[in-house]
Amino acid sequence: MKTFAKYDYYLQLLFIIIGPLAFIFGGLSGFILFYFIVGIPQLISFIIKLFLRTKKSALYIAYGIVIVPVWIIVTILFTEKHINDFFGYVLMAALLYSPVMAAAYVYDCYNTYEPYKSQL
């Protein structure tokens, strides 16, 4: 867990720095890239942590409650090409709150890594 926490924190930090750069340099397509560059590694990290036998923080649980449904809706959108209005509103709301949740997730990764920092 110590090694995973270390690599996870630094990778999440790297992607949260690269994401806004893609937005700045990519124009409108960079706007969408930002969400995928930051979101996909966080989703993978979230799923890995889900199966680790560690205590889950309240921030981790909140992230899962508000972000995982968005990824499910995006998957449905890619497969079905049409979604009902409710799912569309959820996606529009996610455009506003997902950057905040992404930063909160990196902070949670830091809090997970911090106790192991002196042990490494």
C-alpha atoms as a PDB file:
ATOM      1  CA  MET A   1       0.000   0.000   0.000  1.00  0.00           C
ATOM      2  CA  LYS A   2       2.887   2.361   0.745  1.00  0.00           C
ATOM      3  CA  THR A   3       4.292   2.126  -2.752  1.00  0.00           C
ATOM      4  CA  PHE A   4       0.875   2.388  -4.384  1.00  0.00           C
ATOM      5  CA  ALA A   5       0.009   5.464  -2.309  1.00  0.00           C
ATOM      6  CA  LYS A   6       3.252   7.151  -3.329  1.00  0.00           C
ATOM      7  CA  TYR A   7       2.947   6.430  -7.052  1.00  0.00           C
ATOM      8  CA  ASP A   8      -0.764   7.171  -7.056  1.00  0.00           C
ATOM      9  CA  TYR A   9      -0.292  10.583  -5.472  1.00  0.00           C
ATOM     10  CA  TYR A  10       2.477  11.635  -7.842  1.00  0.00           C
ATOM     11  CA  LEU A  11       0.632  10.347 -10.917  1.00  0.00           C
ATOM     12  CA  GLN A  12      -2.565  12.146  -9.907  1.00  0.00           C
ATOM     13  CA  LEU A  13      -0.568  15.306  -9.299  1.00  0.00           C
ATOM     14  CA  LEU A  14       1.052  14.972 -12.744  1.00  0.00           C
ATOM     15  CA  PHE A  15      -2.287  14.521 -14.502  1.00  0.00           C
ATOM     16  CA  ILE A  16      -3.928  17.415 -12.669  1.00  0.00           C
ATOM     17  CA  ILE A  17      -1.093  19.602 -13.962  1.00  0.00           C
ATOM     18  CA  ILE A  18      -1.197  18.224 -17.531  1.00  0.00           C
ATOM     19  CA  GLY A  19      -5.002  18.566 -17.767  1.00  0.00           C
ATOM     20  CA  PRO A  20      -5.176  22.363 -17.554  1.00  0.00           C
ATOM     21  CA  LEU A  21      -2.218  22.626 -19.947  1.00  0.00           C
ATOM     22  CA  ALA A  22      -4.208  20.623 -22.504  1.00  0.00           C
ATOM     23  CA  PHE A  23      -7.089  23.029 -21.957  1.00  0.00           C
ATOM     24  CA  ILE A  24      -4.862  26.075 -22.462  1.00  0.00           C
ATOM     25  CA  PHE A  25      -3.090  24.786 -25.563  1.00  0.00           C
ATOM     26  CA  GLY A  26      -5.925  22.766 -27.094  1.00  0.00           C
ATOM     27  CA  GLY A  27      -8.711  25.307 -27.379  1.00  0.00           C
ATOM     28  CA  LEU A  28     -12.205  23.813 -27.403  1.00  0.00           C
ATOM     29  CA  SER A  29     -10.942  20.271 -27.902  1.00  0.00           C
ATOM     30  CA  GLY A  30      -8.566  20.896 -24.975  1.00  0.00           C
ATOM     31  CA  PHE A  31     -11.611  21.590 -22.824  1.00  0.00           C
ATOM     32  CA  ILE A  32     -12.832  18.037 -23.393  1.00  0.00           C
ATOM     33  CA  LEU A  33      -9.285  16.660 -23.170  1.00  0.00           C
ATOM     34  CA  PHE A  34      -8.945  18.203 -19.712  1.00  0.00           C
ATOM     35  CA  TYR A  35     -11.791  16.101 -18.380  1.00  0.00           C
ATOM     36  CA  PHE A  36     -10.479  12.884 -19.876  1.00  0.00           C
ATOM     37  CA  ILE A  37      -6.788  13.484 -19.062  1.00  0.00           C
ATOM     38  CA  VAL A  38      -7.590  14.135 -15.421  1.00  0.00           C
ATOM     39  CA  GLY A  39     -10.650  11.907 -15.055  1.00  0.00           C
ATOM     40  CA  ILE A  40      -9.565   8.575 -16.507  1.00  0.00           C
ATOM     41  CA  PRO A  41      -6.488   8.157 -14.266  1.00  0.00           C
ATOM     42  CA  GLN A  42      -8.597   9.156 -11.277  1.00  0.00           C
ATOM     43  CA  LEU A  43     -11.245   6.611 -12.191  1.00  0.00           C
ATOM     44  CA  ILE A  44      -8.603   3.877 -12.513  1.00  0.00           C
ATOM     45  CA  SER A  45      -7.080   4.899  -9.188  1.00  0.00           C
ATOM     46  CA  PHE A  46     -10.526   4.964  -7.573  1.00  0.00           C
ATOM     47  CA  ILE A  47     -11.292   1.427  -8.772  1.00  0.00           C
ATOM     48  CA  ILE A  48      -7.918   0.094  -7.585  1.00  0.00           C
ATOM     49  CA  LYS A  49      -8.403   1.691  -4.160  1.00  0.00           C
ATOM     50  CA  LEU A  50     -11.903   0.228  -4.028  1.00  0.00           C
ATOM     51  CA  PHE A  51     -10.428  -3.266  -3.883  1.00  0.00           C
ATOM     52  CA  LEU A  52      -7.628  -2.470  -1.431  1.00  0.00           C
ATOM     53  CA  ARG A  53      -8.307  -3.347   2.164  1.00  0.00           C
ATOM     54  CA  THR A  54      -7.826   0.087   3.618  1.00  0.00           C
ATOM     55  CA  LYS A  55     -10.070   2.490   5.431  1.00  0.00           C
ATOM     56  CA  LYS A  56     -11.871   4.717   2.944  1.00  0.00           C
ATOM     57  CA  SER A  57     -12.061   8.419   3.737  1.00  0.00           C
ATOM     58  CA  ALA A  58     -15.252  10.439   3.555  1.00  0.00           C
ATOM     59  CA  LEU A  59     -13.764  12.405   0.647  1.00  0.00           C
ATOM     60  CA  TYR A  60     -13.065   9.174  -1.256  1.00  0.00           C
ATOM     61  CA  ILE A  61     -16.651   8.004  -0.732  1.00  0.00           C
ATOM     62  CA  ALA A  62     -18.070  11.389  -1.778  1.00  0.00           C
ATOM     63  CA  TYR A  63     -15.915  11.316  -4.922  1.00  0.00           C
ATOM     64  CA  GLY A  64     -17.299   7.907  -5.791  1.00  0.00           C
ATOM     65  CA  ILE A  65     -20.887   8.981  -5.243  1.00  0.00           C
ATOM     66  CA  VAL A  66     -20.686  12.029  -7.523  1.00  0.00           C
ATOM     67  CA  ILE A  67     -18.132  11.024 -10.170  1.00  0.00           C
ATOM     68  CA  VAL A  68     -18.701   7.318 -10.890  1.00  0.00           C
ATOM     69  CA  PRO A  69     -22.282   7.914 -12.123  1.00  0.00           C
ATOM     70  CA  VAL A  70     -20.915  10.512 -14.548  1.00  0.00           C
ATOM     71  CA  TRP A  71     -18.572   7.923 -16.067  1.00  0.00           C
ATOM     72  CA  ILE A  72     -21.455   5.470 -16.341  1.00  0.00           C
ATOM     73  CA  ILE A  73     -23.527   8.103 -18.176  1.00  0.00           C
ATOM     74  CA  VAL A  74     -20.590   8.913 -20.492  1.00  0.00           C
ATOM     75  CA  THR A  75     -20.252   5.194 -21.291  1.00  0.00           C
ATOM     76  CA  ILE A  76     -23.969   4.982 -22.049  1.00  0.00           C
ATOM     77  CA  LEU A  77     -23.672   8.086 -24.238  1.00  0.00           C
ATOM     78  CA  PHE A  78     -20.854   6.506 -26.264  1.00  0.00           C
ATOM     79  CA  THR A  79     -22.796   3.278 -26.753  1.00  0.00           C
ATOM     80  CA  GLU A  80     -26.347   4.580 -27.195  1.00  0.00           C
ATOM     81  CA  LYS A  81     -25.637   7.961 -28.853  1.00  0.00           C
ATOM     82  CA  HIS A  82     -28.756   9.348 -27.209  1.00  0.00           C
ATOM     83  CA  ILE A  83     -29.594   9.922 -23.556  1.00  0.00           C
ATOM     84  CA  ASN A  84     -32.643  11.285 -21.825  1.00  0.00           C
ATOM     85  CA  ASP A  85     -32.760  14.820 -20.448  1.00  0.00           C
ATOM     86  CA  PHE A  86     -32.004  13.877 -16.844  1.00  0.00           C
ATOM     87  CA  PHE A  87     -28.678  12.299 -17.790  1.00  0.00           C
ATOM     88  CA  GLY A  88     -27.871  15.337 -19.914  1.00  0.00           C
ATOM     89  CA  TYR A  89     -28.468  17.618 -16.936  1.00  0.00           C
ATOM     90  CA  VAL A  90     -26.231  15.434 -14.769  1.00  0.00           C
ATOM     91  CA  LEU A  91     -23.448  15.741 -17.362  1.00  0.00           C
ATOM     92  CA  MET A  92     -23.857  19.513 -17.548  1.00  0.00           C
ATOM     93  CA  ALA A  93     -23.706  19.782 -13.766  1.00  0.00           C
ATOM     94  CA  ALA A  94     -20.618  17.561 -13.767  1.00  0.00           C
ATOM     95  CA  LEU A  95     -18.854  20.105 -15.968  1.00  0.00           C
ATOM     96  CA  LEU A  96     -19.058  22.469 -13.005  1.00  0.00           C
ATOM     97  CA  TYR A  97     -18.313  20.221 -10.049  1.00  0.00           C
ATOM     98  CA  SER A  98     -15.898  17.668 -11.498  1.00  0.00           C
ATOM     99  CA  PRO A  99     -12.821  19.980 -11.482  1.00  0.00           C
ATOM    100  CA  VAL A 100     -13.452  20.622  -7.789  1.00  0.00           C
ATOM    101  CA  MET A 101     -13.848  16.900  -7.141  1.00  0.00           C
ATOM    102  CA  ALA A 102     -10.671  16.196  -9.130  1.00  0.00           C
ATOM    103  CA  ALA A 103      -8.700  18.565  -6.905  1.00  0.00           C
ATOM    104  CA  ALA A 104     -10.332  17.022  -3.839  1.00  0.00           C
ATOM    105  CA  TYR A 105      -9.328  13.553  -5.041  1.00  0.00           C
ATOM    106  CA  VAL A 106      -5.683  14.614  -5.399  1.00  0.00           C
ATOM    107  CA  TYR A 107      -5.879  16.056  -1.882  1.00  0.00           C
ATOM    108  CA  ASP A 108      -7.266  12.724  -0.661  1.00  0.00           C
ATOM    109  CA  CYS A 109      -4.405  10.909  -2.404  1.00  0.00           C
ATOM    110  CA  TYR A 110      -2.004  13.225  -0.585  1.00  0.00           C
ATOM    111  CA  ASN A 111      -3.681  12.490   2.749  1.00  0.00           C
ATOM    112  CA  THR A 112      -3.394   8.768   2.019  1.00  0.00           C
ATOM    113  CA  TYR A 113       0.288   9.105   1.115  1.00  0.00           C
ATOM    114  CA  GLU A 114       1.273  11.461   3.964  1.00  0.00           C
ATOM    115  CA  PRO A 115       1.428   8.866   6.804  1.00  0.00           C
ATOM    116  CA  TYR A 116       3.662   6.634   4.664  1.00  0.00           C
ATOM    117  CA  LYS A 117       5.968   9.484   3.642  1.00  0.00           C
ATOM    118  CA  SER A 118       8.281   9.116   6.633  1.00  0.00           C
ATOM    119  CA  GLN A 119       8.334   5.312   6.279  1.00  0.00           C
ATOM    120  CA  LEU A 120       9.598   5.269   2.669  1.00  0.00           C
END
